[in-house]
Amino acid sequence: MKSYFSFQWHITDDCDQRCKHCYIFSGDTCKKIDSMTWEQMQSTFYNCLDFCEMYGRLPYFYLTGGDPILHPDFWRLLKLFHENSVPFTIMGNPFHLNDEVCGKLKALGCEKYQMSIDGLRETHDWFRKPGSFDCTLEKVGCINRAGIRSVIMTTVSKKNIGEITGIIDEVVKAGVNVFAFSRCVPSDGELDDSMSPQEYRALLAACDKKFKEYAGCDTYFNKKDHLWTLYEYETGEFKLSEKPDGKIHGGCNCGNCHITILPTGDVYACRRVSESKVGNVFGDRLADIWVTGMECYREYTKFSKCAKCELLAYCRGCPAVAKGTNGDFYAADPQCWKEVPK
């Protein structure tokens, strides 16, 4: 049975917001807006399909930006997905959604629409844009009515760590289908990301309690951060295989089943990992990049801390956060609280 390979495809940098933790505009609010032409999008799409055919995988696209709906050929691209029966999720803003737009998205095959909530009202609007908190929760209804799965993602930082359980209450009340959070990757911005390992573990414990309180509700809680594996290992909810097979079974998808493509055509091992450019989709065949530029992200014995941990094949924390904090993809995750032998 073929497994999926995911492409996080940024077709434009154009966006209605300039979020304080955005990795596109970090430290440069006057950055030039890059967008692919229609011809470039077509060639990129078929390059991705060629990759999947070469390696026996099924394509899955996470279409994003900026806000992808602002691209002038957005709807034309969705028709290309639909004609080729390729599934996709959109990661965008709420501002251009209504029942008619969401109905069109559903008709063209959109499976999920992901938006962000990065704090309760005051904090979220400080991060993103005044009024965007209420707008986001309001548009959950449009997405759900169209039969698309609504997804809310939260980026956790020192600024909002005390509000995550409150966000959970809000998304459940709004009828969100899927909720998840990941950590902010340190960048050139002014955001303080310095959560201690103990603070982060306490957050996971508080969220786990809240998730259990909402057991049976319509919201699925996706434990996206790989440190959930460590937490559940300690609580007994995750158990190791009695017969290790030497394979990678979980953790970060970088180098395994995911790549990112930017509006410039640049291919990144992960958009959250700085300096992880491995090629350019306009001049390189993705199938070739996978065995040349990507090899350096699959050297698991190089993880300075994780390589000594029994959870190496299942966790590895977040290498993007490690790289953003210490400048090294293989450095220890700064929020990992586990002690391993020196």
C-alpha atoms as a PDB file:
ATOM      1  CA  MET A   1       0.000   0.000   0.000  1.00  0.00           C
ATOM      2  CA  LYS A   2       1.440   3.382  -1.018  1.00  0.00           C
ATOM      3  CA  SER A   3       2.030   5.985   1.675  1.00  0.00           C
ATOM      4  CA  TYR A   4       1.564   9.741   1.299  1.00  0.00           C
ATOM      5  CA  PHE A   5       4.295  12.297   0.734  1.00  0.00           C
ATOM      6  CA  SER A   6       3.465  15.853   1.754  1.00  0.00           C
ATOM      7  CA  PHE A   7       4.413  19.033  -0.054  1.00  0.00           C
ATOM      8  CA  GLN A   8       4.044  22.301   1.861  1.00  0.00           C
ATOM      9  CA  TRP A   9       3.708  24.613  -1.104  1.00  0.00           C
ATOM     10  CA  HIS A  10       3.899  28.384  -0.642  1.00  0.00           C
ATOM     11  CA  ILE A  11       2.565  29.885  -3.880  1.00  0.00           C
ATOM     12  CA  THR A  12       2.823  33.512  -2.707  1.00  0.00           C
ATOM     13  CA  ASP A  13       4.156  35.635   0.148  1.00  0.00           C
ATOM     14  CA  ASP A  14       1.197  38.002  -0.212  1.00  0.00           C
ATOM     15  CA  CYS A  15      -0.698  38.215   3.076  1.00  0.00           C
ATOM     16  CA  ASP A  16      -3.204  40.402   4.909  1.00  0.00           C
ATOM     17  CA  GLN A  17      -1.157  40.215   8.098  1.00  0.00           C
ATOM     18  CA  ARG A  18       2.405  40.738   9.333  1.00  0.00           C
ATOM     19  CA  CYS A  19       2.448  38.409  12.318  1.00  0.00           C
ATOM     20  CA  LYS A  20       5.126  38.984  14.928  1.00  0.00           C
ATOM     21  CA  HIS A  21       6.304  35.358  14.763  1.00  0.00           C
ATOM     22  CA  CYS A  22       6.119  34.974  10.967  1.00  0.00           C
ATOM     23  CA  TYR A  23       9.196  33.284   9.484  1.00  0.00           C
ATOM     24  CA  ILE A  24       8.556  34.919   6.092  1.00  0.00           C
ATOM     25  CA  PHE A  25       8.621  38.545   7.214  1.00  0.00           C
ATOM     26  CA  SER A  26      10.696  38.111  10.394  1.00  0.00           C
ATOM     27  CA  GLY A  27      12.872  41.164  10.824  1.00  0.00           C
ATOM     28  CA  ASP A  28      11.854  42.521   7.408  1.00  0.00           C
ATOM     29  CA  THR A  29       8.332  43.922   7.171  1.00  0.00           C
ATOM     30  CA  CYS A  30       9.224  45.564   3.829  1.00  0.00           C
ATOM     31  CA  LYS A  31      10.276  42.275   2.215  1.00  0.00           C
ATOM     32  CA  LYS A  32       9.545  41.939  -1.500  1.00  0.00           C
ATOM     33  CA  ILE A  33       6.404  39.878  -2.183  1.00  0.00           C
ATOM     34  CA  ASP A  34       7.310  36.766  -4.164  1.00  0.00           C
ATOM     35  CA  SER A  35       4.666  34.805  -6.101  1.00  0.00           C
ATOM     36  CA  MET A  36       4.827  32.021  -8.667  1.00  0.00           C
ATOM     37  CA  THR A  37       3.536  32.576 -12.186  1.00  0.00           C
ATOM     38  CA  TRP A  38       0.921  30.200 -13.563  1.00  0.00           C
ATOM     39  CA  GLU A  39       3.532  28.496 -15.738  1.00  0.00           C
ATOM     40  CA  GLN A  40       5.804  28.023 -12.726  1.00  0.00           C
ATOM     41  CA  MET A  41       2.952  26.547 -10.684  1.00  0.00           C
ATOM     42  CA  GLN A  42       2.133  24.075 -13.444  1.00  0.00           C
ATOM     43  CA  SER A  43       5.739  22.912 -13.744  1.00  0.00           C
ATOM     44  CA  THR A  44       6.032  22.647  -9.941  1.00  0.00           C
ATOM     45  CA  PHE A  45       2.869  20.576  -9.711  1.00  0.00           C
ATOM     46  CA  TYR A  46       4.051  18.069 -12.317  1.00  0.00           C
ATOM     47  CA  ASN A  47       7.527  17.970 -10.759  1.00  0.00           C
ATOM     48  CA  CYS A  48       5.853  16.877  -7.519  1.00  0.00           C
ATOM     49  CA  LEU A  49       3.807  14.209  -9.305  1.00  0.00           C
ATOM     50  CA  ASP A  50       6.980  12.967 -11.002  1.00  0.00           C
ATOM     51  CA  PHE A  51       8.612  12.655  -7.584  1.00  0.00           C
ATOM     52  CA  CYS A  52       5.742  10.572  -6.240  1.00  0.00           C
ATOM     53  CA  GLU A  53       5.706   8.322  -9.302  1.00  0.00           C
ATOM     54  CA  MET A  54       9.469   7.799  -8.985  1.00  0.00           C
ATOM     55  CA  TYR A  55       9.273   6.735  -5.333  1.00  0.00           C
ATOM     56  CA  GLY A  56       5.886   5.029  -5.293  1.00  0.00           C
ATOM     57  CA  ARG A  57       4.221   7.611  -3.048  1.00  0.00           C
ATOM     58  CA  LEU A  58       0.874   9.389  -3.109  1.00  0.00           C
ATOM     59  CA  PRO A  59       0.977  13.222  -3.237  1.00  0.00           C
ATOM     60  CA  TYR A  60      -0.638  15.373  -0.575  1.00  0.00           C
ATOM     61  CA  PHE A  61      -0.417  19.154  -0.749  1.00  0.00           C
ATOM     62  CA  TYR A  62      -0.569  21.737   2.021  1.00  0.00           C
ATOM     63  CA  LEU A  63      -1.240  24.853  -0.037  1.00  0.00           C
ATOM     64  CA  THR A  64      -0.212  28.023   1.722  1.00  0.00           C
ATOM     65  CA  GLY A  65       1.519  31.393   1.453  1.00  0.00           C
ATOM     66  CA  GLY A  66       1.236  34.097   2.732  1.00  0.00           C
ATOM     67  CA  ASP A  67      -2.436  33.582   2.128  1.00  0.00           C
ATOM     68  CA  PRO A  68      -2.774  31.433  -1.007  1.00  0.00           C
ATOM     69  CA  ILE A  69      -6.258  32.728  -1.838  1.00  0.00           C
ATOM     70  CA  LEU A  70      -4.655  36.103  -2.676  1.00  0.00           C
ATOM     71  CA  HIS A  71      -2.759  34.594  -5.617  1.00  0.00           C
ATOM     72  CA  PRO A  72      -4.502  35.569  -8.895  1.00  0.00           C
ATOM     73  CA  ASP A  73      -4.317  31.972 -10.165  1.00  0.00           C
ATOM     74  CA  PHE A  74      -5.449  30.349  -6.901  1.00  0.00           C
ATOM     75  CA  TRP A  75      -8.703  28.951  -8.284  1.00  0.00           C
ATOM     76  CA  ARG A  76      -7.002  27.851 -11.491  1.00  0.00           C
ATOM     77  CA  LEU A  77      -4.530  25.820  -9.432  1.00  0.00           C
ATOM     78  CA  LEU A  78      -7.306  24.188  -7.411  1.00  0.00           C
ATOM     79  CA  LYS A  79      -8.918  23.072 -10.669  1.00  0.00           C
ATOM     80  CA  LEU A  80      -5.604  21.447 -11.619  1.00  0.00           C
ATOM     81  CA  PHE A  81      -5.616  19.547  -8.312  1.00  0.00           C
ATOM     82  CA  HIS A  82      -9.216  18.500  -8.897  1.00  0.00           C
ATOM     83  CA  GLU A  83      -8.604  17.342 -12.470  1.00  0.00           C
ATOM     84  CA  ASN A  84      -5.776  15.121 -11.247  1.00  0.00           C
ATOM     85  CA  SER A  85      -7.656  13.866  -8.152  1.00  0.00           C
ATOM     86  CA  VAL A  86      -4.909  15.162  -5.851  1.00  0.00           C
ATOM     87  CA  PRO A  87      -5.986  15.836  -2.234  1.00  0.00           C
ATOM     88  CA  PHE A  88      -5.016  19.035  -0.453  1.00  0.00           C
ATOM     89  CA  THR A  89      -5.341  21.152   2.665  1.00  0.00           C
ATOM     90  CA  ILE A  90      -5.287  24.951   2.616  1.00  0.00           C
ATOM     91  CA  MET A  91      -3.370  26.856   5.287  1.00  0.00           C
ATOM     92  CA  GLY A  92      -4.595  30.432   5.155  1.00  0.00           C
ATOM     93  CA  ASN A  93      -6.359  33.381   6.765  1.00  0.00           C
ATOM     94  CA  PRO A  94     -10.068  33.794   7.541  1.00  0.00           C
ATOM     95  CA  PHE A  95     -10.607  37.188   5.918  1.00  0.00           C
ATOM     96  CA  HIS A  96     -11.757  36.097   2.450  1.00  0.00           C
ATOM     97  CA  LEU A  97     -13.964  33.199   3.509  1.00  0.00           C
ATOM     98  CA  ASN A  98     -17.739  33.049   3.307  1.00  0.00           C
ATOM     99  CA  ASP A  99     -20.257  30.297   2.574  1.00  0.00           C
ATOM    100  CA  GLU A 100     -19.918  30.730  -1.195  1.00  0.00           C
ATOM    101  CA  VAL A 101     -16.100  30.614  -1.149  1.00  0.00           C
ATOM    102  CA  CYS A 102     -16.040  27.583   1.149  1.00  0.00           C
ATOM    103  CA  GLY A 103     -18.565  25.824  -1.095  1.00  0.00           C
ATOM    104  CA  LYS A 104     -16.246  26.354  -4.085  1.00  0.00           C
ATOM    105  CA  LEU A 105     -13.273  25.057  -2.079  1.00  0.00           C
ATOM    106  CA  LYS A 106     -15.200  21.903  -1.174  1.00  0.00           C
ATOM    107  CA  ALA A 107     -16.331  21.329  -4.773  1.00  0.00           C
ATOM    108  CA  LEU A 108     -12.697  21.438  -5.919  1.00  0.00           C
ATOM    109  CA  GLY A 109     -11.566  18.877  -3.352  1.00  0.00           C
ATOM    110  CA  CYS A 110     -10.332  20.864  -0.345  1.00  0.00           C
ATOM    111  CA  GLU A 111     -10.251  18.454   2.588  1.00  0.00           C
ATOM    112  CA  LYS A 112      -9.160  20.767   5.422  1.00  0.00           C
ATOM    113  CA  TYR A 113      -8.764  24.494   5.959  1.00  0.00           C
ATOM    114  CA  GLN A 114      -6.259  25.509   8.614  1.00  0.00           C
ATOM    115  CA  MET A 115      -6.234  28.857  10.410  1.00  0.00           C
ATOM    116  CA  SER A 116      -4.338  30.136  13.432  1.00  0.00           C
ATOM    117  CA  ILE A 117      -5.318  31.220  16.932  1.00  0.00           C
ATOM    118  CA  ASP A 118      -2.261  32.380  18.867  1.00  0.00           C
ATOM    119  CA  GLY A 119      -3.769  33.497  22.142  1.00  0.00           C
ATOM    120  CA  LEU A 120      -7.012  34.701  23.611  1.00  0.00           C
ATOM    121  CA  ARG A 121      -8.509  37.787  21.989  1.00  0.00           C
ATOM    122  CA  GLU A 122      -6.087  40.491  23.155  1.00  0.00           C
ATOM    123  CA  THR A 123      -2.964  38.384  22.701  1.00  0.00           C
ATOM    124  CA  HIS A 124      -3.984  36.937  19.344  1.00  0.00           C
ATOM    125  CA  ASP A 125      -4.848  40.357  17.936  1.00  0.00           C
ATOM    126  CA  TRP A 126      -1.478  41.668  19.170  1.00  0.00           C
ATOM    127  CA  PHE A 127       0.313  38.840  17.349  1.00  0.00           C
ATOM    128  CA  ARG A 128      -1.666  39.106  14.133  1.00  0.00           C
ATOM    129  CA  LYS A 129      -4.257  41.798  13.392  1.00  0.00           C
ATOM    130  CA  PRO A 130      -6.956  43.637  15.374  1.00  0.00           C
ATOM    131  CA  GLY A 131     -10.263  41.812  15.025  1.00  0.00           C
ATOM    132  CA  SER A 132      -8.723  38.621  13.646  1.00  0.00           C
ATOM    133  CA  PHE A 133      -9.504  36.521  16.744  1.00  0.00           C
ATOM    134  CA  ASP A 134     -13.258  36.959  16.382  1.00  0.00           C
ATOM    135  CA  CYS A 135     -13.066  36.718  12.587  1.00  0.00           C
ATOM    136  CA  THR A 136     -11.208  33.406  12.751  1.00  0.00           C
ATOM    137  CA  LEU A 137     -13.665  31.735  15.119  1.00  0.00           C
ATOM    138  CA  GLU A 138     -16.604  33.100  13.114  1.00  0.00           C
ATOM    139  CA  LYS A 139     -15.294  31.595   9.856  1.00  0.00           C
ATOM    140  CA  VAL A 140     -15.036  28.137  11.440  1.00  0.00           C
ATOM    141  CA  GLY A 141     -18.784  27.940  10.839  1.00  0.00           C
ATOM    142  CA  CYS A 142     -18.397  28.661   7.094  1.00  0.00           C
ATOM    143  CA  ILE A 143     -15.777  25.937   6.772  1.00  0.00           C
ATOM    144  CA  ASN A 144     -17.813  23.366   8.691  1.00  0.00           C
ATOM    145  CA  ARG A 145     -21.038  24.107   6.808  1.00  0.00           C
ATOM    146  CA  ALA A 146     -19.237  23.439   3.517  1.00  0.00           C
ATOM    147  CA  GLY A 147     -18.197  19.988   4.736  1.00  0.00           C
ATOM    148  CA  ILE A 148     -14.505  20.916   4.976  1.00  0.00           C
ATOM    149  CA  ARG A 149     -12.677  19.974   8.178  1.00  0.00           C
ATOM    150  CA  SER A 150     -11.766  23.077  10.142  1.00  0.00           C
ATOM    151  CA  VAL A 151      -8.315  23.119  11.727  1.00  0.00           C
ATOM    152  CA  ILE A 152      -6.928  25.565  14.270  1.00  0.00           C
ATOM    153  CA  MET A 153      -3.180  25.686  14.844  1.00  0.00           C
ATOM    154  CA  THR A 154      -1.551  27.562  17.704  1.00  0.00           C
ATOM    155  CA  THR A 155       2.087  28.639  17.832  1.00  0.00           C
ATOM    156  CA  VAL A 156       3.231  28.439  21.452  1.00  0.00           C
ATOM    157  CA  SER A 157       5.736  30.904  22.877  1.00  0.00           C
ATOM    158  CA  LYS A 158       6.580  32.517  26.187  1.00  0.00           C
ATOM    159  CA  LYS A 159       4.028  35.207  25.334  1.00  0.00           C
ATOM    160  CA  ASN A 160       0.986  32.917  25.185  1.00  0.00           C
ATOM    161  CA  ILE A 161       1.920  29.754  27.108  1.00  0.00           C
ATOM    162  CA  GLY A 162      -0.516  30.648  29.894  1.00  0.00           C
ATOM    163  CA  GLU A 163      -3.451  30.950  27.462  1.00  0.00           C
ATOM    164  CA  ILE A 164      -3.323  27.612  25.635  1.00  0.00           C
ATOM    165  CA  THR A 165      -5.898  25.854  27.814  1.00  0.00           C
ATOM    166  CA  GLY A 166      -8.204  28.841  27.333  1.00  0.00           C
ATOM    167  CA  ILE A 167      -7.731  28.563  23.566  1.00  0.00           C
ATOM    168  CA  ILE A 168      -8.796  24.909  23.805  1.00  0.00           C
ATOM    169  CA  ASP A 169     -12.047  26.010  25.459  1.00  0.00           C
ATOM    170  CA  GLU A 170     -12.651  28.537  22.687  1.00  0.00           C
ATOM    171  CA  VAL A 171     -12.037  26.149  19.782  1.00  0.00           C
ATOM    172  CA  VAL A 172     -14.254  23.467  21.299  1.00  0.00           C
ATOM    173  CA  LYS A 173     -17.028  26.036  21.791  1.00  0.00           C
ATOM    174  CA  ALA A 174     -16.640  27.162  18.165  1.00  0.00           C
ATOM    175  CA  GLY A 175     -16.969  23.590  16.856  1.00  0.00           C
ATOM    176  CA  VAL A 176     -13.454  23.311  15.437  1.00  0.00           C
ATOM    177  CA  ASN A 177     -12.807  19.847  14.000  1.00  0.00           C
ATOM    178  CA  VAL A 178      -9.059  19.635  14.698  1.00  0.00           C
ATOM    179  CA  PHE A 179      -6.826  21.506  17.144  1.00  0.00           C
ATOM    180  CA  ALA A 180      -3.042  21.313  17.443  1.00  0.00           C
ATOM    181  CA  PHE A 181      -0.116  23.422  18.545  1.00  0.00           C
ATOM    182  CA  SER A 182       3.581  23.659  17.817  1.00  0.00           C
ATOM    183  CA  ARG A 183       6.333  25.809  19.252  1.00  0.00           C
ATOM    184  CA  CYS A 184       7.592  29.094  17.898  1.00  0.00           C
ATOM    185  CA  VAL A 185      10.972  28.788  16.196  1.00  0.00           C
ATOM    186  CA  PRO A 186      13.397  31.501  17.341  1.00  0.00           C
ATOM    187  CA  SER A 187      14.190  33.954  14.561  1.00  0.00           C
ATOM    188  CA  ASP A 188      15.327  37.518  14.025  1.00  0.00           C
ATOM    189  CA  GLY A 189      12.136  38.877  15.520  1.00  0.00           C
ATOM    190  CA  GLU A 190      11.678  40.345  18.963  1.00  0.00           C
ATOM    191  CA  LEU A 191       9.527  37.532  20.346  1.00  0.00           C
ATOM    192  CA  ASP A 192      10.753  35.911  23.570  1.00  0.00           C
ATOM    193  CA  ASP A 193      10.677  32.155  23.000  1.00  0.00           C
ATOM    194  CA  SER A 194      12.627  31.068  26.054  1.00  0.00           C
ATOM    195  CA  MET A 195      10.295  28.505  27.644  1.00  0.00           C
ATOM    196  CA  SER A 196      12.083  26.221  30.073  1.00  0.00           C
ATOM    197  CA  PRO A 197      11.728  22.430  29.696  1.00  0.00           C
ATOM    198  CA  GLN A 198       9.797  22.343  32.962  1.00  0.00           C
ATOM    199  CA  GLU A 199       7.399  25.060  31.797  1.00  0.00           C
ATOM    200  CA  TYR A 200       6.753  23.219  28.556  1.00  0.00           C
ATOM    201  CA  ARG A 201       6.170  19.860  30.245  1.00  0.00           C
ATOM    202  CA  ALA A 202       3.722  21.547  32.622  1.00  0.00           C
ATOM    203  CA  LEU A 203       1.876  22.910  29.573  1.00  0.00           C
ATOM    204  CA  LEU A 204       1.591  19.436  28.056  1.00  0.00           C
ATOM    205  CA  ALA A 205       0.254  18.091  31.353  1.00  0.00           C
ATOM    206  CA  ALA A 206      -2.340  20.876  31.574  1.00  0.00           C
ATOM    207  CA  CYS A 207      -3.414  20.339  27.938  1.00  0.00           C
ATOM    208  CA  ASP A 208      -3.583  16.565  28.416  1.00  0.00           C
ATOM    209  CA  LYS A 209      -5.937  17.095  31.348  1.00  0.00           C
ATOM    210  CA  LYS A 210      -8.053  19.475  29.278  1.00  0.00           C
ATOM    211  CA  PHE A 211      -8.152  17.059  26.317  1.00  0.00           C
ATOM    212  CA  LYS A 212      -9.408  14.291  28.602  1.00  0.00           C
ATOM    213  CA  GLU A 213     -12.100  16.595  30.009  1.00  0.00           C
ATOM    214  CA  TYR A 214     -13.341  17.090  26.441  1.00  0.00           C
ATOM    215  CA  ALA A 215     -13.251  13.386  25.526  1.00  0.00           C
ATOM    216  CA  GLY A 216     -16.144  12.632  23.206  1.00  0.00           C
ATOM    217  CA  CYS A 217     -16.516  16.193  21.899  1.00  0.00           C
ATOM    218  CA  ASP A 218     -16.443  17.015  18.186  1.00  0.00           C
ATOM    219  CA  THR A 219     -12.877  18.375  18.313  1.00  0.00           C
ATOM    220  CA  TYR A 220      -9.967  16.040  17.600  1.00  0.00           C
ATOM    221  CA  PHE A 221      -6.823  17.010  19.504  1.00  0.00           C
ATOM    222  CA  ASN A 222      -3.806  16.352  17.297  1.00  0.00           C
ATOM    223  CA  LYS A 223      -0.705  15.949  19.473  1.00  0.00           C
ATOM    224  CA  LYS A 224       1.536  17.381  16.798  1.00  0.00           C
ATOM    225  CA  ASP A 225       4.608  18.304  18.831  1.00  0.00           C
ATOM    226  CA  HIS A 226       6.928  15.299  19.043  1.00  0.00           C
ATOM    227  CA  LEU A 227       7.607  15.925  22.729  1.00  0.00           C
ATOM    228  CA  TRP A 228       4.101  14.543  23.291  1.00  0.00           C
ATOM    229  CA  THR A 229       5.710  11.149  22.612  1.00  0.00           C
ATOM    230  CA  LEU A 230       8.104  11.672  25.516  1.00  0.00           C
ATOM    231  CA  TYR A 231       5.273  12.869  27.756  1.00  0.00           C
ATOM    232  CA  GLU A 232       3.082   9.856  26.945  1.00  0.00           C
ATOM    233  CA  TYR A 233       6.061   7.514  27.346  1.00  0.00           C
ATOM    234  CA  GLU A 234       6.478   8.803  30.895  1.00  0.00           C
ATOM    235  CA  THR A 235       2.747   8.528  31.667  1.00  0.00           C
ATOM    236  CA  GLY A 236       2.529   5.020  30.229  1.00  0.00           C
ATOM    237  CA  GLU A 237       0.273   5.887  27.290  1.00  0.00           C
ATOM    238  CA  PHE A 238       3.044   5.221  24.753  1.00  0.00           C
ATOM    239  CA  LYS A 239       5.006   1.973  24.869  1.00  0.00           C
ATOM    240  CA  LEU A 240       8.102   0.965  22.935  1.00  0.00           C
ATOM    241  CA  SER A 241       8.124  -2.077  20.696  1.00  0.00           C
ATOM    242  CA  GLU A 242       9.652  -5.073  22.435  1.00  0.00           C
ATOM    243  CA  LYS A 243      11.627  -5.847  19.275  1.00  0.00           C
ATOM    244  CA  PRO A 244      13.342  -2.740  17.876  1.00  0.00           C
ATOM    245  CA  ASP A 245      13.773  -3.033  14.102  1.00  0.00           C
ATOM    246  CA  GLY A 246      16.157  -0.120  13.526  1.00  0.00           C
ATOM    247  CA  LYS A 247      13.562   1.821  11.498  1.00  0.00           C
ATOM    248  CA  ILE A 248      12.240   5.346  12.044  1.00  0.00           C
ATOM    249  CA  HIS A 249       8.607   5.105  13.148  1.00  0.00           C
ATOM    250  CA  GLY A 250       7.734   8.674  14.087  1.00  0.00           C
ATOM    251  CA  GLY A 251       9.002  12.070  15.010  1.00  0.00           C
ATOM    252  CA  CYS A 252      10.021  14.868  12.653  1.00  0.00           C
ATOM    253  CA  ASN A 253       9.104  14.265   8.997  1.00  0.00           C
ATOM    254  CA  CYS A 254      12.061  16.292   7.723  1.00  0.00           C
ATOM    255  CA  GLY A 255      14.031  14.031   5.407  1.00  0.00           C
ATOM    256  CA  ASN A 256      11.369  11.320   5.584  1.00  0.00           C
ATOM    257  CA  CYS A 257       8.107  12.266   3.886  1.00  0.00           C
ATOM    258  CA  HIS A 258       7.948  16.039   3.555  1.00  0.00           C
ATOM    259  CA  ILE A 259       9.481  18.986   1.707  1.00  0.00           C
ATOM    260  CA  THR A 260       8.633  22.671   1.407  1.00  0.00           C
ATOM    261  CA  ILE A 261       8.510  24.703  -1.813  1.00  0.00           C
ATOM    262  CA  LEU A 262       8.650  28.512  -1.673  1.00  0.00           C
ATOM    263  CA  PRO A 263       7.251  31.064  -4.174  1.00  0.00           C
ATOM    264  CA  THR A 264      10.793  31.585  -5.493  1.00  0.00           C
ATOM    265  CA  GLY A 265      10.968  27.881  -6.349  1.00  0.00           C
ATOM    266  CA  ASP A 266      13.465  27.241  -3.562  1.00  0.00           C
ATOM    267  CA  VAL A 267      13.074  23.806  -2.019  1.00  0.00           C
ATOM    268  CA  TYR A 268      13.584  23.546   1.737  1.00  0.00           C
ATOM    269  CA  ALA A 269      13.931  20.448   3.875  1.00  0.00           C
ATOM    270  CA  CYS A 270      11.604  22.267   6.293  1.00  0.00           C
ATOM    271  CA  ARG A 271      10.281  25.832   6.153  1.00  0.00           C
ATOM    272  CA  ARG A 272      10.860  26.200   9.887  1.00  0.00           C
ATOM    273  CA  VAL A 273      14.515  25.149   9.596  1.00  0.00           C
ATOM    274  CA  SER A 274      16.617  28.134   8.569  1.00  0.00           C
ATOM    275  CA  GLU A 275      19.274  27.580   5.915  1.00  0.00           C
ATOM    276  CA  SER A 276      17.734  24.246   4.869  1.00  0.00           C
ATOM    277  CA  LYS A 277      17.537  25.049   1.161  1.00  0.00           C
ATOM    278  CA  VAL A 278      18.326  21.935  -0.897  1.00  0.00           C
ATOM    279  CA  GLY A 279      17.524  23.050  -4.449  1.00  0.00           C
ATOM    280  CA  ASN A 280      15.137  24.949  -6.680  1.00  0.00           C
ATOM    281  CA  VAL A 281      12.078  23.349  -8.231  1.00  0.00           C
ATOM    282  CA  PHE A 282      12.346  25.433 -11.418  1.00  0.00           C
ATOM    283  CA  GLY A 283      15.714  23.930 -12.338  1.00  0.00           C
ATOM    284  CA  ASP A 284      16.016  20.750 -10.306  1.00  0.00           C
ATOM    285  CA  ARG A 285      14.132  17.491 -10.424  1.00  0.00           C
ATOM    286  CA  LEU A 286      12.666  16.824  -6.957  1.00  0.00           C
ATOM    287  CA  ALA A 287      13.359  13.115  -7.346  1.00  0.00           C
ATOM    288  CA  ASP A 288      17.068  13.929  -7.652  1.00  0.00           C
ATOM    289  CA  ILE A 289      17.109  16.398  -4.751  1.00  0.00           C
ATOM    290  CA  TRP A 290      15.686  13.699  -2.495  1.00  0.00           C
ATOM    291  CA  VAL A 291      18.826  11.575  -2.809  1.00  0.00           C
ATOM    292  CA  THR A 292      21.352  14.399  -2.975  1.00  0.00           C
ATOM    293  CA  GLY A 293      20.436  17.493  -0.956  1.00  0.00           C
ATOM    294  CA  MET A 294      18.236  15.723   1.608  1.00  0.00           C
ATOM    295  CA  GLU A 295      20.663  13.060   2.849  1.00  0.00           C
ATOM    296  CA  CYS A 296      22.148  15.381   5.485  1.00  0.00           C
ATOM    297  CA  TYR A 297      18.750  15.518   7.264  1.00  0.00           C
ATOM    298  CA  ARG A 298      18.567  11.734   7.708  1.00  0.00           C
ATOM    299  CA  GLU A 299      21.727  11.116   9.755  1.00  0.00           C
ATOM    300  CA  TYR A 300      19.986  10.111  12.964  1.00  0.00           C
ATOM    301  CA  THR A 301      23.107   9.114  14.872  1.00  0.00           C
ATOM    302  CA  LYS A 302      24.190  12.779  14.740  1.00  0.00           C
ATOM    303  CA  PHE A 303      21.477  13.898  17.163  1.00  0.00           C
ATOM    304  CA  SER A 304      23.591  14.980  20.119  1.00  0.00           C
ATOM    305  CA  LYS A 305      21.021  14.035  22.754  1.00  0.00           C
ATOM    306  CA  CYS A 306      18.349  11.984  20.981  1.00  0.00           C
ATOM    307  CA  ALA A 307      20.856   9.417  19.656  1.00  0.00           C
ATOM    308  CA  LYS A 308      21.408   8.343  23.274  1.00  0.00           C
ATOM    309  CA  CYS A 309      17.682   8.081  24.014  1.00  0.00           C
ATOM    310  CA  GLU A 310      15.486   5.001  23.629  1.00  0.00           C
ATOM    311  CA  LEU A 311      12.906   7.202  21.871  1.00  0.00           C
ATOM    312  CA  LEU A 312      15.194   8.099  18.947  1.00  0.00           C
ATOM    313  CA  ALA A 313      13.016   6.273  16.401  1.00  0.00           C
ATOM    314  CA  TYR A 314       9.808   7.860  17.699  1.00  0.00           C
ATOM    315  CA  CYS A 315      10.478  11.401  18.919  1.00  0.00           C
ATOM    316  CA  ARG A 316      13.649  13.530  18.316  1.00  0.00           C
ATOM    317  CA  GLY A 317      11.822  16.650  19.532  1.00  0.00           C
ATOM    318  CA  CYS A 318      11.802  19.533  17.052  1.00  0.00           C
ATOM    319  CA  PRO A 319      15.039  20.000  15.084  1.00  0.00           C
ATOM    320  CA  ALA A 320      13.719  23.360  13.798  1.00  0.00           C
ATOM    321  CA  VAL A 321      13.523  24.727  17.346  1.00  0.00           C
ATOM    322  CA  ALA A 322      16.975  23.270  18.067  1.00  0.00           C
ATOM    323  CA  LYS A 323      18.404  24.920  14.940  1.00  0.00           C
ATOM    324  CA  GLY A 324      16.740  28.245  15.724  1.00  0.00           C
ATOM    325  CA  THR A 325      18.042  28.185  19.285  1.00  0.00           C
ATOM    326  CA  ASN A 326      21.517  26.696  18.935  1.00  0.00           C
ATOM    327  CA  GLY A 327      22.253  26.933  15.210  1.00  0.00           C
ATOM    328  CA  ASP A 328      22.476  23.150  14.857  1.00  0.00           C
ATOM    329  CA  PHE A 329      19.770  20.892  13.380  1.00  0.00           C
ATOM    330  CA  TYR A 330      21.107  17.976  15.443  1.00  0.00           C
ATOM    331  CA  ALA A 331      21.403  19.867  18.746  1.00  0.00           C
ATOM    332  CA  ALA A 332      19.260  18.988  21.745  1.00  0.00           C
ATOM    333  CA  ASP A 333      15.690  20.266  21.710  1.00  0.00           C
ATOM    334  CA  PRO A 334      15.793  23.188  24.192  1.00  0.00           C
ATOM    335  CA  GLN A 335      12.409  22.231  25.693  1.00  0.00           C
ATOM    336  CA  CYS A 336      13.195  18.522  26.134  1.00  0.00           C
ATOM    337  CA  TRP A 337      13.236  17.697  29.836  1.00  0.00           C
ATOM    338  CA  LYS A 338      14.489  14.100  29.594  1.00  0.00           C
ATOM    339  CA  GLU A 339      17.886  13.299  31.063  1.00  0.00           C
ATOM    340  CA  VAL A 340      20.022  10.935  29.010  1.00  0.00           C
ATOM    341  CA  PRO A 341      23.529   9.509  29.655  1.00  0.00           C
ATOM    342  CA  LYS A 342      26.364  11.869  28.771  1.00  0.00           C
END
